[in-house]
Protein backbone atom coordinates (compact mmCIF):
# COMPACT_ATOMS: atom_id res chain seq x y z
CA MET A 1 -167.69 15.21 24.53
CA VAL A 2 -165.16 15.04 27.37
CA MET A 3 -164.41 11.76 28.89
CA ASP A 4 -162.98 11.59 32.40
CA ASP A 5 -159.75 9.44 32.53
CA ARG A 6 -159.98 8.00 36.00
CA ASN A 7 -157.10 6.76 38.13
CA HIS A 8 -157.77 3.64 39.59
CA PHE A 9 -154.73 3.77 42.04
CA CYS A 10 -152.96 6.47 43.78
CA ILE A 11 -149.82 7.01 42.19
CA TYR A 12 -147.89 7.81 45.03
CA CYS A 13 -148.65 5.03 47.42
CA GLY A 14 -150.95 2.43 45.33
CA ALA A 15 -153.95 2.08 46.73
CA LYS A 16 -156.97 1.57 44.99
CA LEU A 17 -159.29 4.72 44.18
CA GLU A 18 -163.39 5.03 43.95
CA PRO A 19 -164.10 7.31 40.38
CA ASN A 20 -163.84 10.91 41.22
CA GLN A 21 -162.18 10.70 44.25
CA LYS A 22 -160.38 14.13 44.96
CA PHE A 23 -157.66 12.68 47.68
CA CYS A 24 -155.97 9.21 48.29
CA THR A 25 -157.74 7.69 51.71
CA GLN A 26 -154.51 5.87 52.58
CA CYS A 27 -151.77 8.63 51.67
CA GLY A 28 -153.57 11.82 51.71
CA LYS A 29 -152.35 13.30 48.63
CA GLN A 30 -154.34 15.15 46.08
CA VAL A 31 -155.40 12.82 43.29
CA PHE A 32 -155.52 14.26 39.78
CA HIS A 33 -157.84 13.03 36.98
CA GLU A 34 -156.98 13.96 33.46
CA GLU A 35 -159.36 15.00 30.87
CA LYS A 36 -159.21 13.66 27.39
CA THR A 37 -161.50 15.02 24.50
CA VAL A 38 -163.07 12.31 22.08
CA ASP A 39 -164.57 13.76 19.02
CA VAL A 40 -167.82 12.15 17.96
CA VAL A 41 -167.52 12.20 14.09
CA PRO A 42 -171.06 12.18 12.38
CA SER A 43 -171.23 9.62 9.92
CA LYS A 44 -172.56 9.94 6.59
CA TYR A 45 -175.66 7.73 7.12
CA ASP A 46 -177.11 9.63 10.68
CA GLU A 47 -179.14 12.40 8.62
CA ILE A 48 -180.25 9.17 6.04
CA ILE A 49 -181.74 7.39 9.10
CA ASP A 50 -183.08 10.26 10.97
CA ASN A 51 -185.27 10.98 8.02
CA LEU A 52 -186.21 7.39 7.48
CA GLU A 53 -187.13 7.36 11.10
CA LYS A 54 -189.22 10.59 11.07
CA ASP A 55 -190.90 9.77 7.44
CA TYR A 56 -192.06 6.15 8.84
CA ASP A 57 -193.37 7.96 11.85
CA LEU A 58 -195.51 9.93 10.02
CA LYS A 59 -196.64 7.09 7.57
CA GLN A 60 -197.43 5.14 10.47
CA ARG A 61 -199.41 7.93 12.81
CA ARG A 62 -201.46 8.33 9.49
CA ALA A 63 -202.18 4.74 8.65
CA THR A 64 -203.42 4.05 11.68
CA GLU A 65 -205.68 7.88 11.72
CA LEU A 66 -207.32 6.01 8.83
CA VAL A 67 -207.45 2.55 9.87
CA GLU A 68 -209.35 4.01 13.01
CA LYS A 69 -211.36 6.15 11.05
CA LEU A 70 -212.53 3.68 8.60
CA PHE A 71 -213.49 0.87 10.82
CA ASP A 72 -215.17 -0.04 14.14
CA PRO A 73 -212.77 -1.92 16.66
CA THR A 74 -214.66 -4.60 16.78
CA GLN A 75 -214.54 -5.25 12.69
CA MET A 76 -212.13 -7.69 11.84
CA ALA A 77 -210.37 -5.52 9.15
CA TYR A 78 -209.44 -2.99 11.89
CA ASN A 79 -207.93 -6.11 14.03
CA LYS A 80 -206.00 -7.28 10.81
CA PHE A 81 -205.02 -3.76 9.71
CA SER A 82 -204.02 -2.79 13.80
CA SER A 83 -202.27 -5.40 14.01
CA SER A 84 -199.92 -5.41 10.60
CA ILE A 85 -199.25 -1.53 11.75
CA ASN A 86 -197.99 -3.29 15.16
CA LYS A 87 -195.91 -6.11 13.31
CA SER A 88 -194.68 -3.52 10.85
CA ASN A 89 -193.68 -0.64 13.90
CA GLN A 90 -191.80 -3.28 15.89
CA LEU A 91 -190.01 -4.72 12.79
CA PHE A 92 -188.75 -1.07 11.59
CA ALA A 93 -188.02 -0.44 15.20
CA ASN A 94 -185.89 -3.57 15.05
CA GLN A 95 -183.95 -2.95 11.91
CA LEU A 96 -183.96 1.07 12.42
CA ASP A 97 -182.00 0.12 15.87
CA VAL A 98 -179.31 -2.68 14.22
CA THR A 99 -178.92 0.02 11.47
CA LYS A 100 -178.05 3.03 13.98
CA LYS A 101 -175.74 0.57 15.95
CA MET A 102 -174.05 -0.79 12.84
CA VAL A 103 -173.49 2.40 11.60
CA GLU A 104 -172.00 3.81 15.33
CA LEU A 105 -170.05 0.42 15.35
CA ASP A 106 -168.35 1.22 12.11
CA THR A 107 -165.84 4.00 12.77
CA ASP A 108 -163.39 2.31 9.79
CA ASN A 109 -165.73 3.04 7.36
CA ASN A 110 -165.16 -0.68 6.30
CA GLU A 111 -166.77 -1.50 2.65
CA LEU A 112 -168.60 -4.60 3.71
CA VAL A 113 -170.12 -2.89 6.89
CA GLU A 114 -171.36 -0.04 4.48
CA LYS A 115 -172.76 -2.88 2.01
CA GLU A 116 -174.80 -4.22 4.93
CA ILE A 117 -175.74 -0.71 6.38
CA GLU A 118 -177.58 0.48 2.99
CA SER A 119 -178.84 -2.66 2.37
CA LYS A 120 -180.86 -2.37 6.22
CA ILE A 121 -181.92 1.27 4.70
CA LYS A 122 -182.98 -0.05 1.51
CA THR A 123 -185.14 -2.22 3.94
CA LEU A 124 -186.04 0.76 6.34
CA GLU A 125 -187.62 2.28 2.74
CA THR A 126 -189.72 -1.02 1.73
CA PHE A 127 -191.24 -0.35 5.54
CA ILE A 128 -191.98 3.11 4.75
CA ASP A 129 -193.18 2.47 1.15
CA LYS A 130 -195.70 -0.23 2.08
CA MET A 131 -196.75 2.32 4.77
CA GLU A 132 -197.46 4.26 2.05
CA ASP A 133 -198.95 1.70 -0.12
CA LEU A 134 -201.80 1.16 2.64
CA ILE A 135 -202.51 4.80 3.36
CA ASN A 136 -202.90 5.09 -0.30
CA GLU A 137 -205.40 2.08 -0.13
CA LEU A 138 -207.04 3.52 2.98
CA VAL A 139 -207.56 6.89 1.25
CA ILE A 140 -209.61 5.03 -2.22
CA TYR A 141 -211.29 2.65 0.06
CA LEU A 142 -212.58 5.62 1.76
CA SER A 143 -213.99 7.01 -1.43
CA SER A 144 -214.89 3.95 -3.56
CA ASN A 145 -217.58 1.14 -3.07
CA LYS A 146 -216.43 -0.54 0.51
CA ASP A 147 -217.76 -3.66 -0.63
CA ASP A 148 -214.92 -4.20 -2.75
CA THR A 149 -211.92 -5.35 -0.66
CA GLU A 150 -209.75 -7.29 -3.13
CA ASP A 151 -207.02 -4.19 -3.23
CA ILE A 152 -207.04 -4.12 0.57
CA ASN A 153 -206.60 -7.52 0.79
CA ASN A 154 -203.76 -7.79 -2.17
CA LEU A 155 -202.33 -4.70 0.40
CA PHE A 156 -202.41 -7.26 3.27
CA ASN A 157 -200.67 -9.77 1.46
CA ASP A 158 -197.86 -7.34 0.69
CA MET A 159 -197.16 -6.28 4.13
CA ASP A 160 -197.06 -9.94 5.32
CA ASP A 161 -194.59 -11.31 2.74
CA LEU A 162 -192.75 -7.96 3.61
CA ILE A 163 -192.89 -8.59 7.49
CA ARG A 164 -191.89 -12.83 7.05
CA SER A 165 -189.48 -11.61 4.90
CA VAL A 166 -187.62 -9.42 7.24
CA LYS A 167 -188.51 -11.93 10.35
CA ASP A 168 -186.44 -14.71 7.71
CA TYR A 169 -183.86 -11.76 6.83
């Protein structure tokens, strides 16, 4: 990555310069900008986080498709599943953003920060696991007695617990 180390004042007369100005408006001398290269070192967490994001995206799309296939939009179950998926999506996105920012700012590989990053990664993995559980329950529900909703209610409760615990965190 190349950053422009802009001169803010003319080195000849001291006049204030604008970014990318080629000549000084006071003395007319040419303004030189020194360019320096900054190497961005990838983090050991970048690939892990990218894979978690892709995995979650895939699973939440699949869960949404199943909800739309199984339930009429006028049914309470449809609204409850859709709401749970939307809350999960928002919280996952928030946790993902926080994790990415922590990785970006941890240039010194601080042990305390790395522990917190790993904790955030575990939280992201829990969201993915719960979304996978939801998919599995919906598939089972698709091929079973639709009057038996105990497993689905348990899953609702699990997802609500996860959402509450992340909000509290």
